[in-house]
């Protein structure tokens, strides 16, 4: 699993050139996982001056583009 996370970080860095990247693991309902026992990982680009770890939860997108464009860029950048 961790090798996939490393690949995801590399793709985000190549596609968006952020100032940094947050990697977060969530397991259990209290941590934001909707399925009991489910573990998932968030890989989020960060830039100086952004104000929140996960602005997508406040009806604001971390990346101001259509999801299909994000997918295309990440697929092209995937190692």
PDB file of N, CA and C in Angstrom:
ATOM      1  N   UNK A   1       0.824  -1.190   0.000  1.00  0.00           N
ATOM      2  CA  UNK A   1       0.000   0.000   0.000  1.00  0.00           C
ATOM      3  C   UNK A   1       0.873   1.261   0.000  1.00  0.00           C
ATOM      4  N   UNK A   2       1.944   1.229   0.792  1.00  0.00           N
ATOM      5  CA  UNK A   2       2.748   2.441   0.895  1.00  0.00           C
ATOM      6  C   UNK A   2       3.453   2.775  -0.408  1.00  0.00           C
ATOM      7  N   UNK A   3       3.791   1.777  -1.220  1.00  0.00           N
ATOM      8  CA  UNK A   3       4.410   2.079  -2.518  1.00  0.00           C
ATOM      9  C   UNK A   3       3.416   2.805  -3.425  1.00  0.00           C
ATOM     10  N   UNK A   4       2.134   2.476  -3.318  1.00  0.00           N
ATOM     11  CA  UNK A   4       1.106   3.182  -4.086  1.00  0.00           C
ATOM     12  C   UNK A   4       0.985   4.626  -3.606  1.00  0.00           C
ATOM     13  N   UNK A   5       1.066   4.834  -2.295  1.00  0.00           N
ATOM     14  CA  UNK A   5       1.027   6.196  -1.749  1.00  0.00           C
ATOM     15  C   UNK A   5       2.227   6.995  -2.263  1.00  0.00           C
ATOM     16  N   UNK A   6       3.412   6.395  -2.274  1.00  0.00           N
ATOM     17  CA  UNK A   6       4.597   7.091  -2.811  1.00  0.00           C
ATOM     18  C   UNK A   6       4.395   7.458  -4.278  1.00  0.00           C
ATOM     19  N   UNK A   7       3.806   6.539  -5.053  1.00  0.00           N
ATOM     20  CA  UNK A   7       3.525   6.841  -6.462  1.00  0.00           C
ATOM     21  C   UNK A   7       2.527   7.989  -6.584  1.00  0.00           C
ATOM     22  N   UNK A   8       1.506   7.994  -5.723  1.00  0.00           N
ATOM     23  CA  UNK A   8       0.508   9.067  -5.755  1.00  0.00           C
ATOM     24  C   UNK A   8       1.146  10.413  -5.427  1.00  0.00           C
ATOM     25  N   UNK A   9       2.018  10.437  -4.433  1.00  0.00           N
ATOM     26  CA  UNK A   9       2.721  11.677  -4.080  1.00  0.00           C
ATOM     27  C   UNK A   9       3.574  12.146  -5.257  1.00  0.00           C
ATOM     28  N   UNK A  10       4.292  11.235  -5.888  1.00  0.00           N
ATOM     29  CA  UNK A  10       5.127  11.595  -7.041  1.00  0.00           C
ATOM     30  C   UNK A  10       4.278  12.151  -8.177  1.00  0.00           C
ATOM     31  N   UNK A  11       3.111  11.553  -8.421  1.00  0.00           N
ATOM     32  CA  UNK A  11       2.229  12.030  -9.492  1.00  0.00           C
ATOM     33  C   UNK A  11       1.689  13.419  -9.178  1.00  0.00           C
ATOM     34  N   UNK A  12       1.268  13.646  -7.939  1.00  0.00           N
ATOM     35  CA  UNK A  12       0.763  14.967  -7.539  1.00  0.00           C
ATOM     36  C   UNK A  12       1.863  16.009  -7.691  1.00  0.00           C
ATOM     37  N   UNK A  13       3.075  15.674  -7.253  1.00  0.00           N
ATOM     38  CA  UNK A  13       4.186  16.624  -7.378  1.00  0.00           C
ATOM     39  C   UNK A  13       4.510  16.918  -8.841  1.00  0.00           C
ATOM     40  N   UNK A  14       4.505  15.895  -9.689  1.00  0.00           N
ATOM     41  CA  UNK A  14       4.820  16.097 -11.109  1.00  0.00           C
ATOM     42  C   UNK A  14       3.721  16.868 -11.829  1.00  0.00           C
ATOM     43  N   UNK A  15       2.469  16.600 -11.485  1.00  0.00           N
ATOM     44  CA  UNK A  15       1.349  17.216 -12.196  1.00  0.00           C
ATOM     45  C   UNK A  15       1.077  18.650 -11.750  1.00  0.00           C
ATOM     46  N   UNK A  16       1.347  18.978 -10.482  1.00  0.00           N
ATOM     47  CA  UNK A  16       0.922  20.273  -9.947  1.00  0.00           C
ATOM     48  C   UNK A  16       2.035  21.131  -9.354  1.00  0.00           C
ATOM     49  N   UNK A  17       3.214  20.590  -9.147  1.00  0.00           N
ATOM     50  CA  UNK A  17       4.333  21.339  -8.551  1.00  0.00           C
ATOM     51  C   UNK A  17       3.929  22.090  -7.281  1.00  0.00           C
ATOM     52  N   UNK A  18       3.314  21.397  -6.321  1.00  0.00           N
ATOM     53  CA  UNK A  18       2.925  22.079  -5.087  1.00  0.00           C
ATOM     54  C   UNK A  18       4.144  22.369  -4.218  1.00  0.00           C
ATOM     55  N   UNK A  19       3.954  23.210  -3.224  1.00  0.00           N
ATOM     56  CA  UNK A  19       5.024  23.481  -2.278  1.00  0.00           C
ATOM     57  C   UNK A  19       5.238  22.349  -1.298  1.00  0.00           C
ATOM     58  N   UNK A  20       4.247  21.474  -1.167  1.00  0.00           N
ATOM     59  CA  UNK A  20       4.315  20.323  -0.268  1.00  0.00           C
ATOM     60  C   UNK A  20       3.127  19.418  -0.523  1.00  0.00           C
ATOM     61  N   UNK A  21       3.067  18.310   0.185  1.00  0.00           N
ATOM     62  CA  UNK A  21       1.977  17.345   0.038  1.00  0.00           C
ATOM     63  C   UNK A  21       1.610  16.835   1.426  1.00  0.00           C
ATOM     64  N   UNK A  22       0.306  16.784   1.725  1.00  0.00           N
ATOM     65  CA  UNK A  22      -0.179  16.122   2.932  1.00  0.00           C
ATOM     66  C   UNK A  22      -0.626  14.720   2.570  1.00  0.00           C
ATOM     67  N   UNK A  23      -0.255  13.740   3.403  1.00  0.00           N
ATOM     68  CA  UNK A  23      -0.739  12.371   3.271  1.00  0.00           C
ATOM     69  C   UNK A  23      -1.469  12.060   4.568  1.00  0.00           C
ATOM     70  N   UNK A  24      -2.752  11.666   4.456  1.00  0.00           N
ATOM     71  CA  UNK A  24      -3.549  11.354   5.632  1.00  0.00           C
ATOM     72  C   UNK A  24      -4.218  10.004   5.512  1.00  0.00           C
ATOM     73  N   UNK A  25      -4.202   9.241   6.597  1.00  0.00           N
ATOM     74  CA  UNK A  25      -4.870   7.943   6.656  1.00  0.00           C
ATOM     75  C   UNK A  25      -6.109   8.070   7.528  1.00  0.00           C
ATOM     76  N   UNK A  26      -7.209   7.497   7.085  1.00  0.00           N
ATOM     77  CA  UNK A  26      -8.448   7.511   7.844  1.00  0.00           C
ATOM     78  C   UNK A  26      -8.956   6.083   8.009  1.00  0.00           C
ATOM     79  N   UNK A  27      -9.286   5.705   9.253  1.00  0.00           N
ATOM     80  CA  UNK A  27      -9.912   4.412   9.495  1.00  0.00           C
ATOM     81  C   UNK A  27     -10.956   4.593  10.578  1.00  0.00           C
ATOM     82  N   UNK A  28     -12.168   4.081  10.312  1.00  0.00           N
ATOM     83  CA  UNK A  28     -13.261   4.166  11.264  1.00  0.00           C
ATOM     84  C   UNK A  28     -14.117   5.396  11.051  1.00  0.00           C
ATOM     85  N   UNK A  29     -15.367   5.297  11.510  1.00  0.00           N
ATOM     86  CA  UNK A  29     -16.347   6.363  11.283  1.00  0.00           C
ATOM     87  C   UNK A  29     -15.900   7.697  11.878  1.00  0.00           C
ATOM     88  N   UNK A  30     -15.330   7.682  13.077  1.00  0.00           N
ATOM     89  CA  UNK A  30     -14.920   8.931  13.720  1.00  0.00           C
ATOM     90  C   UNK A  30     -13.798   9.628  12.953  1.00  0.00           C
ATOM     91  N   UNK A  31     -13.058   8.884  12.158  1.00  0.00           N
ATOM     92  CA  UNK A  31     -11.952   9.450  11.376  1.00  0.00           C
ATOM     93  C   UNK A  31     -12.373   9.836   9.968  1.00  0.00           C
ATOM     94  N   UNK A  32     -13.651   9.642   9.636  1.00  0.00           N
ATOM     95  CA  UNK A  32     -14.131  10.039   8.323  1.00  0.00           C
ATOM     96  C   UNK A  32     -14.341   8.907   7.345  1.00  0.00           C
ATOM     97  N   UNK A  33     -14.084   7.672   7.763  1.00  0.00           N
ATOM     98  CA  UNK A  33     -14.342   6.522   6.894  1.00  0.00           C
ATOM     99  C   UNK A  33     -15.793   6.089   7.096  1.00  0.00           C
ATOM    100  N   UNK A  34     -16.573   6.048   6.030  1.00  0.00           N
ATOM    101  CA  UNK A  34     -17.986   5.715   6.133  1.00  0.00           C
ATOM    102  C   UNK A  34     -18.273   4.236   6.258  1.00  0.00           C
ATOM    103  N   UNK A  35     -17.284   3.392   6.027  1.00  0.00           N
ATOM    104  CA  UNK A  35     -17.458   1.943   6.093  1.00  0.00           C
ATOM    105  C   UNK A  35     -16.633   1.425   7.269  1.00  0.00           C
ATOM    106  N   UNK A  36     -17.274   0.701   8.215  1.00  0.00           N
ATOM    107  CA  UNK A  36     -16.515   0.185   9.362  1.00  0.00           C
ATOM    108  C   UNK A  36     -15.310  -0.651   8.916  1.00  0.00           C
ATOM    109  N   UNK A  37     -14.159  -0.411   9.528  1.00  0.00           N
ATOM    110  CA  UNK A  37     -12.960  -1.162   9.212  1.00  0.00           C
ATOM    111  C   UNK A  37     -12.259  -0.735   7.936  1.00  0.00           C
ATOM    112  N   UNK A  38     -12.850   0.212   7.209  1.00  0.00           N
ATOM    113  CA  UNK A  38     -12.278   0.669   5.939  1.00  0.00           C
ATOM    114  C   UNK A  38     -11.129   1.636   6.212  1.00  0.00           C
ATOM    115  N   UNK A  39     -10.031   1.447   5.520  1.00  0.00           N
ATOM    116  CA  UNK A  39      -8.885   2.346   5.595  1.00  0.00           C
ATOM    117  C   UNK A  39      -8.710   3.014   4.240  1.00  0.00           C
ATOM    118  N   UNK A  40      -8.582   4.335   4.228  1.00  0.00           N
ATOM    119  CA  UNK A  40      -8.280   5.020   2.975  1.00  0.00           C
ATOM    120  C   UNK A  40      -7.258   6.124   3.226  1.00  0.00           C
ATOM    121  N   UNK A  41      -6.634   6.546   2.138  1.00  0.00           N
ATOM    122  CA  UNK A  41      -5.546   7.518   2.208  1.00  0.00           C
ATOM    123  C   UNK A  41      -5.899   8.726   1.353  1.00  0.00           C
ATOM    124  N   UNK A  42      -5.636   9.915   1.882  1.00  0.00           N
ATOM    125  CA  UNK A  42      -5.758  11.160   1.121  1.00  0.00           C
ATOM    126  C   UNK A  42      -4.355  11.652   0.792  1.00  0.00           C
ATOM    127  N   UNK A  43      -4.143  12.050  -0.444  1.00  0.00           N
ATOM    128  CA  UNK A  43      -2.891  12.681  -0.864  1.00  0.00           C
ATOM    129  C   UNK A  43      -3.283  14.040  -1.433  1.00  0.00           C
ATOM    130  N   UNK A  44      -2.887  15.105  -0.734  1.00  0.00           N
ATOM    131  CA  UNK A  44      -3.343  16.450  -1.085  1.00  0.00           C
ATOM    132  C   UNK A  44      -2.179  17.390  -1.354  1.00  0.00           C
ATOM    133  N   UNK A  45      -2.203  18.069  -2.502  1.00  0.00           N
ATOM    134  CA  UNK A  45      -1.171  19.078  -2.759  1.00  0.00           C
ATOM    135  C   UNK A  45      -1.395  20.282  -1.851  1.00  0.00           C
ATOM    136  N   UNK A  46      -0.300  20.918  -1.427  1.00  0.00           N
ATOM    137  CA  UNK A  46      -0.384  22.097  -0.571  1.00  0.00           C
ATOM    138  C   UNK A  46       0.500  23.201  -1.132  1.00  0.00           C
ATOM    139  N   UNK A  47       0.048  24.431  -0.963  1.00  0.00           N
ATOM    140  CA  UNK A  47       0.809  25.603  -1.388  1.00  0.00           C
ATOM    141  C   UNK A  47       0.896  26.582  -0.233  1.00  0.00           C
ATOM    142  N   UNK A  48       1.952  27.361  -0.188  1.00  0.00           N
ATOM    143  CA  UNK A  48       2.069  28.402   0.829  1.00  0.00           C
ATOM    144  C   UNK A  48       0.866  29.322   0.716  1.00  0.00           C
ATOM    145  N   UNK A  49       0.254  29.611   1.845  1.00  0.00           N
ATOM    146  CA  UNK A  49      -0.885  30.516   1.856  1.00  0.00           C
ATOM    147  C   UNK A  49      -2.233  29.831   1.820  1.00  0.00           C
ATOM    148  N   UNK A  50      -2.298  28.522   1.510  1.00  0.00           N
ATOM    149  CA  UNK A  50      -3.611  27.886   1.602  1.00  0.00           C
ATOM    150  C   UNK A  50      -3.967  27.793   3.082  1.00  0.00           C
ATOM    151  N   UNK A  51      -5.247  27.774   3.381  1.00  0.00           N
ATOM    152  CA  UNK A  51      -5.669  28.009   4.758  1.00  0.00           C
ATOM    153  C   UNK A  51      -6.234  26.805   5.481  1.00  0.00           C
ATOM    154  N   UNK A  52      -6.311  25.665   4.839  1.00  0.00           N
ATOM    155  CA  UNK A  52      -6.972  24.538   5.484  1.00  0.00           C
ATOM    156  C   UNK A  52      -6.384  23.241   4.953  1.00  0.00           C
ATOM    157  N   UNK A  53      -6.336  22.213   5.780  1.00  0.00           N
ATOM    158  CA  UNK A  53      -5.837  20.907   5.343  1.00  0.00           C
ATOM    159  C   UNK A  53      -6.673  20.346   4.210  1.00  0.00           C
ATOM    160  N   UNK A  54      -7.993  20.477   4.293  1.00  0.00           N
ATOM    161  CA  UNK A  54      -8.852  19.855   3.288  1.00  0.00           C
ATOM    162  C   UNK A  54      -9.977  20.814   2.920  1.00  0.00           C
ATOM    163  N   UNK A  55      -9.679  21.821   2.125  1.00  0.00           N
ATOM    164  CA  UNK A  55     -10.683  22.824   1.780  1.00  0.00           C
ATOM    165  C   UNK A  55     -11.817  22.255   0.954  1.00  0.00           C
ATOM    166  N   UNK A  56     -11.653  21.048   0.404  1.00  0.00           N
ATOM    167  CA  UNK A  56     -12.736  20.449  -0.376  1.00  0.00           C
ATOM    168  C   UNK A  56     -13.960  20.169   0.482  1.00  0.00           C
ATOM    169  N   UNK A  57     -13.803  20.099   1.797  1.00  0.00           N
ATOM    170  CA  UNK A  57     -14.949  19.832   2.662  1.00  0.00           C
ATOM    171  C   UNK A  57     -15.806  21.077   2.872  1.00  0.00           C
ATOM    172  N   UNK A  58     -15.335  22.233   2.476  1.00  0.00           N
ATOM    173  CA  UNK A  58     -16.082  23.471   2.654  1.00  0.00           C
ATOM    174  C   UNK A  58     -16.615  23.993   1.321  1.00  0.00           C
ATOM    175  N   UNK A  59     -16.986  23.084   0.423  1.00  0.00           N
ATOM    176  CA  UNK A  59     -17.495  23.433  -0.902  1.00  0.00           C
ATOM    177  C   UNK A  59     -16.496  24.248  -1.718  1.00  0.00           C
ATOM    178  N   UNK A  60     -15.230  24.117  -1.409  1.00  0.00           N
ATOM    179  CA  UNK A  60     -14.167  24.758  -2.164  1.00  0.00           C
ATOM    180  C   UNK A  60     -13.207  23.679  -2.633  1.00  0.00           C
ATOM    181  N   UNK A  61     -12.840  23.711  -3.893  1.00  0.00           N
ATOM    182  CA  UNK A  61     -11.940  22.683  -4.416  1.00  0.00           C
ATOM    183  C   UNK A  61     -10.489  23.044  -4.147  1.00  0.00           C
ATOM    184  N   UNK A  62      -9.719  22.024  -3.786  1.00  0.00           N
ATOM    185  CA  UNK A  62      -8.285  22.225  -3.616  1.00  0.00           C
ATOM    186  C   UNK A  62      -7.662  22.587  -4.959  1.00  0.00           C
ATOM    187  N   UNK A  63      -8.128  21.931  -6.025  1.00  0.00           N
ATOM    188  CA  UNK A  63      -7.663  22.199  -7.385  1.00  0.00           C
ATOM    189  C   UNK A  63      -8.825  22.779  -8.185  1.00  0.00           C
ATOM    190  N   UNK A  64      -8.704  23.987  -8.705  1.00  0.00           N
ATOM    191  CA  UNK A  64      -9.825  24.641  -9.397  1.00  0.00           C
ATOM    192  C   UNK A  64      -9.979  24.153 -10.838  1.00  0.00           C
ATOM    193  N   UNK A  65     -10.326  22.873 -11.005  1.00  0.00           N
ATOM    194  CA  UNK A  65     -10.519  22.311 -12.337  1.00  0.00           C
ATOM    195  C   UNK A  65     -11.522  21.169 -12.242  1.00  0.00           C
ATOM    196  N   UNK A  66     -12.056  20.771 -13.357  1.00  0.00           N
ATOM    197  CA  UNK A  66     -12.997  19.652 -13.390  1.00  0.00           C
ATOM    198  C   UNK A  66     -12.285  18.365 -12.981  1.00  0.00           C
ATOM    199  N   UNK A  67     -13.010  17.468 -12.339  1.00  0.00           N
ATOM    200  CA  UNK A  67     -12.430  16.217 -11.872  1.00  0.00           C
ATOM    201  C   UNK A  67     -11.805  15.414 -13.010  1.00  0.00           C
ATOM    202  N   UNK A  68     -12.414  15.436 -14.189  1.00  0.00           N
ATOM    203  CA  UNK A  68     -11.853  14.731 -15.339  1.00  0.00           C
ATOM    204  C   UNK A  68     -10.474  15.247 -15.724  1.00  0.00           C
ATOM    205  N   UNK A  69     -10.265  16.546 -15.605  1.00  0.00           N
ATOM    206  CA  UNK A  69      -8.952  17.133 -15.897  1.00  0.00           C
ATOM    207  C   UNK A  69      -7.928  16.699 -14.848  1.00  0.00           C
ATOM    208  N   UNK A  70      -8.340  16.673 -13.588  1.00  0.00           N
ATOM    209  CA  UNK A  70      -7.447  16.193 -12.532  1.00  0.00           C
ATOM    210  C   UNK A  70      -7.029  14.757 -12.810  1.00  0.00           C
ATOM    211  N   UNK A  71      -8.004  13.912 -13.153  1.00  0.00           N
ATOM    212  CA  UNK A  71      -7.731  12.508 -13.472  1.00  0.00           C
ATOM    213  C   UNK A  71      -6.721  12.401 -14.621  1.00  0.00           C
ATOM    214  N   UNK A  72      -6.944  13.156 -15.679  1.00  0.00           N
ATOM    215  CA  UNK A  72      -6.058  13.100 -16.843  1.00  0.00           C
ATOM    216  C   UNK A  72      -4.628  13.473 -16.454  1.00  0.00           C
ATOM    217  N   UNK A  73      -4.485  14.548 -15.705  1.00  0.00           N
ATOM    218  CA  UNK A  73      -3.150  15.008 -15.327  1.00  0.00           C
ATOM    219  C   UNK A  73      -2.429  13.995 -14.437  1.00  0.00           C
ATOM    220  N   UNK A  74      -3.165  13.407 -13.499  1.00  0.00           N
ATOM    221  CA  UNK A  74      -2.540  12.435 -12.603  1.00  0.00           C
ATOM    222  C   UNK A  74      -2.180  11.140 -13.324  1.00  0.00           C
ATOM    223  N   UNK A  75      -3.038  10.692 -14.233  1.00  0.00           N
ATOM    224  CA  UNK A  75      -2.730   9.482 -15.008  1.00  0.00           C
ATOM    225  C   UNK A  75      -1.469   9.702 -15.842  1.00  0.00           C
ATOM    226  N   UNK A  76      -1.364  10.860 -16.472  1.00  0.00           N
ATOM    227  CA  UNK A  76      -0.177  11.162 -17.282  1.00  0.00           C
ATOM    228  C   UNK A  76       1.090  11.245 -16.431  1.00  0.00           C
ATOM    229  N   UNK A  77       0.954  11.685 -15.182  1.00  0.00           N
ATOM    230  CA  UNK A  77       2.121  11.867 -14.316  1.00  0.00           C
ATOM    231  C   UNK A  77       2.445  10.631 -13.480  1.00  0.00           C
ATOM    232  N   UNK A  78       1.566   9.612 -13.494  1.00  0.00           N
ATOM    233  CA  UNK A  78       1.774   8.440 -12.629  1.00  0.00           C
ATOM    234  C   UNK A  78       3.059   7.717 -13.029  1.00  0.00           C
ATOM    235  N   UNK A  79       3.933   7.447 -12.043  1.00  0.00           N
ATOM    236  CA  UNK A  79       5.217   6.799 -12.378  1.00  0.00           C
ATOM    237  C   UNK A  79       5.055   5.339 -12.813  1.00  0.00           C
TER     238      UNK A  79
END
